[in-house]
Protein backbone atom coordinates (compact mmCIF):
# COMPACT_ATOMS: atom_id res chain seq x y z
CA MET A 1 36.06 48.41 3.45
CA LYS A 2 35.29 46.48 0.25
CA ILE A 3 35.16 42.69 0.05
CA ILE A 4 34.49 40.74 -3.16
CA CYS A 5 32.51 37.47 -2.94
CA ALA A 6 33.16 35.70 -6.24
CA PRO A 7 32.65 31.92 -6.05
CA ASP A 8 31.85 29.37 -8.72
CA SER A 9 29.26 26.69 -7.98
CA PHE A 10 29.61 23.93 -5.40
CA LYS A 11 28.36 21.20 -7.73
CA GLY A 12 25.48 19.17 -6.40
CA THR A 13 24.79 21.57 -3.54
CA LEU A 14 24.91 25.30 -4.34
CA ASP A 15 25.06 27.19 -7.60
CA ALA A 16 27.37 30.21 -7.84
CA VAL A 17 24.63 32.69 -6.91
CA GLU A 18 23.69 30.74 -3.78
CA ALA A 19 27.35 30.33 -2.85
CA ALA A 20 27.99 34.08 -3.21
CA GLU A 21 25.00 34.84 -1.00
CA ALA A 22 26.22 32.40 1.65
CA ILE A 23 29.71 33.93 1.67
CA ALA A 24 28.31 37.46 1.82
CA SER A 25 26.03 36.49 4.71
CA GLY A 26 29.01 35.21 6.70
CA VAL A 27 31.03 38.36 6.04
CA ARG A 28 28.18 40.61 7.12
CA GLN A 29 27.83 38.71 10.40
CA VAL A 30 31.25 39.91 11.52
CA MET A 31 31.51 43.10 9.43
CA PRO A 32 28.03 44.56 9.09
CA TYR A 33 29.29 47.83 7.64
CA ALA A 34 31.56 46.35 4.99
CA ASN A 35 30.94 47.05 1.31
CA VAL A 36 30.24 43.51 0.13
CA ASP A 37 30.17 42.98 -3.64
CA CYS A 38 28.47 39.69 -4.61
CA CYS A 39 29.89 38.60 -7.95
CA PRO A 40 29.02 34.96 -8.70
CA VAL A 41 31.05 33.56 -11.59
CA GLY A 42 31.31 30.55 -13.89
CA ASP A 43 33.86 29.12 -16.26
CA GLY A 44 31.50 28.27 -19.09
CA GLY A 45 30.02 25.23 -17.36
CA ASP A 46 26.50 24.71 -16.09
CA GLY A 47 25.44 27.53 -13.79
CA THR A 48 27.37 30.23 -15.66
CA LEU A 49 24.19 31.57 -17.25
CA ARG A 50 22.47 32.21 -13.91
CA ALA A 51 25.60 33.89 -12.55
CA LEU A 52 25.68 36.25 -15.54
CA LEU A 53 21.95 36.95 -15.32
CA VAL A 54 22.28 38.01 -11.69
CA ALA A 55 25.49 39.98 -12.12
CA LEU A 56 24.44 41.82 -15.30
CA ASP A 57 20.66 41.96 -14.89
CA GLY A 58 20.08 40.05 -18.10
CA GLU A 59 16.92 38.52 -19.52
CA ALA A 60 16.43 34.76 -19.41
CA ILE A 61 14.71 33.25 -22.44
CA SER A 62 13.32 29.72 -22.63
CA CYS A 63 13.48 27.77 -25.90
CA ARG A 64 11.96 24.39 -26.65
CA VAL A 65 14.66 22.24 -28.28
CA GLY A 66 15.67 18.61 -28.55
CA GLY A 67 17.54 17.17 -25.61
CA ALA A 68 20.63 15.00 -25.84
CA LEU A 69 18.54 11.89 -26.49
CA GLY A 70 15.94 13.65 -28.63
CA GLU A 71 13.38 14.34 -25.93
CA PRO A 72 11.97 17.92 -25.92
CA VAL A 73 13.47 20.15 -23.23
CA ASP A 74 13.07 23.78 -22.21
CA ALA A 75 16.60 25.10 -22.67
CA LYS A 76 17.79 28.53 -21.63
CA LEU A 77 19.73 31.38 -23.12
CA GLY A 78 20.39 34.85 -21.80
CA ARG A 79 20.07 38.20 -23.54
CA PHE A 80 22.23 41.02 -22.21
CA GLU A 81 21.65 44.62 -23.22
CA THR A 82 24.80 45.54 -21.29
CA GLY A 83 27.56 44.31 -23.56
CA GLY A 84 25.18 43.54 -26.41
CA PHE A 85 25.48 39.75 -26.43
CA ALA A 86 23.57 36.55 -25.90
CA TYR A 87 24.78 33.64 -23.79
CA ILE A 88 23.97 29.98 -24.48
CA GLU A 89 24.42 27.37 -21.78
CA SER A 90 24.78 24.13 -23.73
CA ALA A 91 24.06 22.03 -20.66
CA THR A 92 20.49 23.34 -20.48
CA ALA A 93 19.84 21.66 -23.83
CA ILE A 94 22.19 18.66 -23.93
CA GLY A 95 23.31 18.37 -20.32
CA LEU A 96 24.58 15.25 -18.59
CA ASP A 97 21.86 13.37 -16.73
CA PRO A 98 22.55 13.42 -12.96
CA ASP A 99 21.66 9.71 -12.86
CA PRO A 100 24.67 7.75 -14.20
CA LEU A 101 22.38 4.88 -15.18
CA LYS A 102 20.56 7.13 -17.67
CA ARG A 103 23.66 8.35 -19.48
CA ASN A 104 23.90 7.15 -23.07
CA VAL A 105 26.71 8.96 -24.85
CA MET A 106 26.62 6.66 -27.88
CA ASN A 107 23.09 7.80 -28.77
CA ALA A 108 23.36 11.41 -27.60
CA SER A 109 23.35 14.29 -30.09
CA SER A 110 24.31 17.95 -29.76
CA ARG A 111 21.50 19.01 -32.09
CA GLY A 112 19.63 20.83 -29.31
CA ALA A 113 22.61 23.09 -28.71
CA GLY A 114 22.54 23.99 -32.40
CA GLU A 115 18.84 24.80 -32.22
CA LEU A 116 19.57 27.10 -29.30
CA LEU A 117 22.45 28.77 -31.14
CA LEU A 118 20.34 29.29 -34.26
CA THR A 119 17.61 30.95 -32.20
CA ALA A 120 20.15 33.26 -30.56
CA CYS A 121 21.69 34.25 -33.89
CA LYS A 122 18.30 34.96 -35.48
CA ARG A 123 16.75 36.91 -32.63
CA TYR A 124 19.24 38.32 -30.18
CA GLY A 125 22.25 39.84 -31.90
CA LYS A 126 25.49 38.98 -33.58
CA ARG A 127 27.74 38.35 -30.57
CA ILE A 128 27.02 34.94 -29.07
CA LEU A 129 28.88 33.32 -26.18
CA VAL A 130 28.48 29.56 -25.87
CA GLY A 131 29.28 27.78 -22.60
CA LEU A 132 30.46 24.24 -23.32
CA GLY A 133 30.57 22.57 -19.91
CA GLY A 134 28.38 19.71 -18.76
CA SER A 135 27.39 18.12 -22.07
CA ALA A 136 26.18 14.52 -22.43
CA THR A 137 27.43 14.22 -26.02
CA ASN A 138 30.46 13.04 -27.98
CA ASP A 139 29.48 13.71 -31.60
CA GLY A 140 32.09 16.32 -32.52
CA GLY A 141 29.37 18.97 -32.73
CA CYS A 142 27.86 17.36 -35.83
CA GLY A 143 24.35 17.28 -34.39
CA MET A 144 24.71 20.96 -33.57
CA ALA A 145 25.88 21.67 -37.11
CA GLN A 146 22.88 19.88 -38.62
CA ALA A 147 20.59 22.32 -36.80
CA LEU A 148 22.58 25.21 -38.32
CA GLY A 149 22.03 23.90 -41.84
CA VAL A 150 25.32 22.08 -42.45
CA GLY A 151 24.91 19.03 -44.70
CA PHE A 152 26.39 15.63 -43.86
CA PHE A 153 26.38 12.86 -46.47
CA ASP A 154 27.05 9.14 -46.32
CA ARG A 155 29.06 7.02 -48.76
CA SER A 156 26.10 6.65 -51.11
CA GLY A 157 25.72 10.42 -51.32
CA ARG A 158 22.54 10.56 -49.27
CA ARG A 159 22.09 13.40 -46.80
CA ILE A 160 22.00 12.24 -43.17
CA ASP A 161 18.82 13.76 -41.76
CA THR A 162 18.55 11.92 -38.44
CA PRO A 163 20.46 13.60 -35.58
CA ILE A 164 24.09 12.51 -35.70
CA THR A 165 25.36 10.85 -32.53
CA GLY A 166 28.64 9.42 -31.37
CA ALA A 167 27.57 5.99 -32.62
CA SER A 168 26.81 7.28 -36.13
CA LEU A 169 29.95 9.35 -36.76
CA HIS A 170 31.31 6.54 -38.94
CA LEU A 171 28.49 7.13 -41.45
CA ILE A 172 29.80 10.57 -42.45
CA ASP A 173 31.66 10.64 -45.77
CA ARG A 174 31.28 14.26 -46.89
CA ILE A 175 30.44 17.64 -45.36
CA ASP A 176 28.80 20.58 -47.16
CA ILE A 177 29.05 23.84 -45.24
CA ASP A 178 27.58 25.99 -48.05
CA THR A 179 24.10 25.49 -46.60
CA LEU A 180 25.07 26.96 -43.20
CA SER A 181 22.54 29.55 -41.99
CA SER A 182 23.63 33.04 -43.04
CA ARG A 183 22.68 34.35 -39.58
CA VAL A 184 25.23 32.03 -38.02
CA ALA A 185 27.86 32.81 -40.63
CA GLU A 186 27.51 36.53 -39.85
CA ALA A 187 27.66 36.09 -36.06
CA ASP A 188 30.69 36.42 -33.80
CA VAL A 189 30.51 33.10 -31.94
CA ILE A 190 32.77 32.62 -28.92
CA ALA A 191 33.01 29.18 -27.33
CA LEU A 192 33.93 29.15 -23.64
CA CYS A 193 35.66 26.17 -22.11
CA ASP A 194 37.91 25.33 -19.17
CA VAL A 195 39.87 22.51 -20.80
CA THR A 196 42.60 22.26 -23.43
CA ASN A 197 41.99 18.68 -24.54
CA PRO A 198 42.45 17.88 -28.24
CA LEU A 199 39.68 16.22 -30.19
CA THR A 200 41.19 12.74 -30.36
CA GLY A 201 43.81 10.49 -28.82
CA PRO A 202 44.53 9.51 -25.20
CA ASN A 203 43.83 13.05 -23.97
CA GLY A 204 40.91 13.58 -26.32
CA ALA A 205 37.18 13.86 -25.81
CA ALA A 206 36.33 10.17 -25.91
CA HIS A 207 39.12 8.82 -23.72
CA VAL A 208 38.99 11.52 -21.04
CA TYR A 209 35.27 12.31 -20.82
CA GLY A 210 33.52 9.38 -22.51
CA PRO A 211 33.51 7.10 -19.44
CA GLN A 212 31.79 9.67 -17.22
CA LYS A 213 29.12 10.02 -19.92
CA GLY A 214 28.38 6.29 -19.91
CA ALA A 215 30.91 4.89 -22.40
CA ASN A 216 32.51 1.49 -21.80
CA PRO A 217 36.03 0.72 -23.18
CA ALA A 218 34.66 -0.53 -26.52
CA ASP A 219 32.48 2.58 -26.81
CA VAL A 220 35.48 4.81 -26.10
CA ALA A 221 37.45 3.17 -28.90
CA GLN A 222 34.55 3.58 -31.34
CA LEU A 223 33.96 7.21 -30.35
CA ASP A 224 37.62 8.11 -30.71
CA ALA A 225 37.80 6.42 -34.11
CA GLY A 226 34.69 8.31 -35.21
CA LEU A 227 36.12 11.64 -34.10
CA TYR A 228 39.41 10.87 -35.85
CA ARG A 229 37.53 10.12 -39.06
CA LEU A 230 35.57 13.35 -38.63
CA ALA A 231 38.81 15.31 -38.20
CA MET A 232 40.16 13.85 -41.46
CA ILE A 233 36.99 14.79 -43.34
CA MET A 234 37.09 18.30 -41.87
CA ARG A 235 40.65 18.61 -43.12
CA SER A 236 39.80 17.48 -46.66
CA ASP A 237 36.39 19.17 -47.06
CA LEU A 238 36.79 22.30 -44.93
CA GLY A 239 40.55 22.83 -44.89
CA ILE A 240 40.71 22.87 -41.09
CA ASP A 241 43.21 20.89 -39.02
CA ILE A 242 40.85 20.74 -36.06
CA ASP A 243 42.78 18.15 -34.07
CA SER A 244 45.67 20.54 -33.55
CA ILE A 245 43.50 23.12 -31.75
CA PRO A 246 43.64 23.03 -27.91
CA GLY A 247 40.12 22.78 -26.48
CA ALA A 248 38.65 21.12 -29.58
CA GLY A 249 37.76 18.13 -27.40
CA ALA A 250 35.61 20.21 -25.04
CA ALA A 251 32.03 18.98 -24.60
CA GLY A 252 32.57 15.80 -26.60
CA GLY A 253 34.04 17.73 -29.51
CA LEU A 254 31.40 20.45 -29.53
CA GLY A 255 34.33 22.86 -29.30
CA ALA A 256 35.68 21.43 -32.56
CA GLY A 257 32.27 21.63 -34.21
CA LEU A 258 31.76 25.27 -33.27
CA VAL A 259 35.16 26.21 -34.69
CA ALA A 260 34.77 24.21 -37.90
CA PHE A 261 31.10 24.84 -38.65
CA ALA A 262 30.26 28.18 -36.99
CA GLY A 263 33.63 29.91 -37.28
CA ALA A 264 33.84 30.22 -33.50
CA SER A 265 36.88 31.17 -31.48
CA LEU A 266 37.74 29.02 -28.45
CA ARG A 267 38.54 31.01 -25.32
CA SER A 268 39.12 30.44 -21.62
CA GLY A 269 35.72 30.37 -19.97
CA ILE A 270 36.70 32.05 -16.72
CA ASP A 271 38.74 34.79 -18.40
CA SER A 272 35.90 35.60 -20.77
CA VAL A 273 33.33 35.63 -17.97
CA LEU A 274 35.49 37.88 -15.77
CA THR A 275 36.04 40.30 -18.65
CA THR A 276 32.30 40.33 -19.35
CA LEU A 277 31.63 41.07 -15.66
CA ASP A 278 34.17 43.94 -15.69
CA PHE A 279 35.83 42.14 -12.81
CA ASP A 280 39.01 44.22 -12.74
CA ARG A 281 36.96 47.36 -12.11
CA ARG A 282 35.00 45.63 -9.36
CA LEU A 283 38.26 44.60 -7.69
CA THR A 284 39.51 48.18 -7.51
CA GLY A 285 39.78 49.26 -3.88
CA ALA A 286 38.98 45.82 -2.48
CA ALA A 287 40.74 44.65 0.67
CA LEU A 288 39.94 40.97 0.17
CA CYS A 289 38.56 38.60 -2.46
CA LEU A 290 36.73 35.45 -1.33
CA THR A 291 36.25 32.83 -4.02
CA GLY A 292 35.39 29.15 -3.85
CA GLU A 293 34.08 26.00 -5.48
CA GLY A 294 33.35 22.43 -4.58
CA ARG A 295 36.83 21.05 -5.13
CA ILE A 296 40.28 22.45 -5.71
CA ASP A 297 43.21 20.36 -6.93
CA GLY A 298 46.35 20.48 -9.03
CA GLN A 299 44.28 20.80 -12.20
CA SER A 300 42.57 23.94 -10.96
CA MET A 301 45.37 26.04 -12.44
CA SER A 302 44.28 24.97 -15.92
CA GLY A 303 41.36 27.30 -16.49
CA LYS A 304 39.31 26.80 -13.32
CA ALA A 305 37.42 29.68 -11.77
CA CYS A 306 39.34 30.04 -8.51
CA MET A 307 42.68 30.49 -10.21
CA GLY A 308 41.35 32.78 -12.92
CA ILE A 309 40.02 35.03 -10.17
CA THR A 310 43.29 34.76 -8.25
CA ALA A 311 45.30 35.87 -11.29
CA ARG A 312 43.16 38.98 -11.73
CA ALA A 313 43.18 39.86 -8.03
CA SER A 314 46.92 39.30 -7.66
CA ARG A 315 47.67 41.80 -10.43
CA LEU A 316 45.81 44.42 -8.41
CA GLY A 317 47.36 43.41 -5.08
CA VAL A 318 44.13 41.98 -3.64
CA PRO A 319 44.63 38.81 -1.50
CA THR A 320 42.41 35.90 -2.56
CA ILE A 321 41.21 33.08 -0.31
CA ALA A 322 39.46 29.99 -1.70
CA LEU A 323 36.67 28.47 0.40
CA VAL A 324 36.21 24.92 -0.86
CA GLY A 325 34.45 21.67 -0.11
CA GLN A 326 37.50 19.52 -0.81
CA ALA A 327 41.20 20.13 -1.44
CA THR A 328 43.59 17.47 -2.69
CA PRO A 329 47.26 17.43 -1.61
CA ASP A 330 48.42 18.82 -4.96
CA ALA A 331 46.15 21.84 -4.49
CA SER A 332 49.17 23.40 -2.78
CA ASN A 333 50.34 24.23 -6.31
CA CYS A 334 47.61 26.87 -6.33
CA LEU A 335 49.25 28.60 -3.37
CA ASP A 336 52.48 28.80 -5.34
CA ALA A 337 50.51 30.41 -8.16
CA GLY A 338 49.24 33.29 -6.02
CA LEU A 339 46.30 32.03 -3.98
CA SER A 340 46.71 33.33 -0.41
CA GLU A 341 45.01 30.44 1.40
CA ILE A 342 42.75 27.43 0.91
CA VAL A 343 40.05 26.94 3.54
CA VAL A 344 38.18 23.61 3.57
CA ILE A 345 34.77 24.62 4.88
CA GLY A 346 33.92 21.24 6.47
CA GLU A 347 37.37 20.36 7.75
CA GLY A 348 37.18 17.07 9.65
CA LEU A 349 33.69 16.20 8.40
CA HIS A 350 32.87 13.34 6.06
CA PRO A 351 32.26 14.77 2.55
CA ASP A 352 28.64 13.55 2.58
CA GLU A 353 28.02 15.39 5.83
CA SER A 354 29.71 18.51 4.52
CA ARG A 355 27.53 18.48 1.40
CA LYS A 356 24.37 18.37 3.52
CA HIS A 357 25.28 21.67 5.18
CA THR A 358 27.27 23.47 2.49
CA ALA A 359 25.56 26.84 2.82
CA ARG A 360 25.93 26.98 6.61
CA LEU A 361 29.52 25.79 6.54
CA LEU A 362 30.42 28.21 3.75
CA SER A 363 28.89 31.13 5.61
CA ALA A 364 30.72 30.23 8.82
CA ALA A 365 34.05 29.83 6.97
CA ALA A 366 33.58 33.21 5.29
CA ALA A 367 32.95 34.85 8.67
CA ARG A 368 36.08 33.30 10.19
CA THR A 369 38.18 34.23 7.19
CA ALA A 370 37.02 37.83 7.01
CA GLU A 371 37.63 38.26 10.74
CA LYS A 372 41.08 36.70 10.44
CA TYR A 373 42.21 38.86 7.56
CA LEU A 374 40.36 42.09 8.25
CA GLY A 375 39.74 41.98 11.97
CA ASN A 376 41.68 45.19 12.52
CA GLY A 377 39.78 47.33 10.08
CA ASP A 378 41.62 47.94 6.83
CA THR A 379 44.87 46.48 8.13
CA MET A 380 45.57 43.07 6.72
CA ARG A 381 46.87 40.51 9.17
CA ARG A 382 47.80 36.88 8.67
């Protein structure tokens, strides 16, 4: 009997690898002879790199780059012989500080992500996947582009050499992409995201994500105006209508920057990760798929891991159960979309208490679920 354990991370408690191990441990408690396939996943956000490294036996490489606020950080990328690609996790370079009081989106730059991308293009092949989730920036990817060689000029014609931030977007008057690194120009860059937000406007990068990155209402207005100006310059100088592209607002506009400056394609993070993991093949012959993440809600159908997994499993007739920390009332929409059941692992507990014991609760929920669905051998029962 084959059971797939394919969770995303439980943010703040377990990463995807730890969550998969906890689920597998619970299954083995009640079904010691089951064929348990641990397949941690990610949707392009923080933690996706580790999940891929474990699942595909890749090589982790540390690179010293500039952090979001210019401080040196040891960022990570992965090199994968299987599939012949490199994976960049932007959050390891320009990630959001866990302390809300230290977040400073106005002065944050995506330059470190560009330094990481340039290293990957020069050293580790021509197919580069870039995970966009978890960034601290809102500079439209301009800082990233500077690291790749793109020139930005102010109204006086002077090249802007300091890292561009959200607060300095208004200084840009002209863009010269002719100086882009040839290694980047030759690479197949794929940007992975789990959102479809445009670059600007009420659903854009600044309005939707700026506040959680430390922006006040005045900052949000300035950031949105800066991104709008950037979009107009991209249209005139590069011939790209970036604001019409779904997902351009991902990672504070880093999605837009990768498309405009690195020729990247924007793709669903979870779909790309599942394809890379050969997930359909791994599902073949499975009796049950156990997925999970910290929270499931009505928005989970828009590119989140649980529902991407459910879609793949449903096509092959494999029931999928989501083991989650929290479920909002509108999460029932996910059941209508093919998810077999939602199990809240700490049902009845205060969320803070549940988070203290996530691994134990997840393991126990997996054991109960496996026994419920597969208690009679290969015969499914509800």
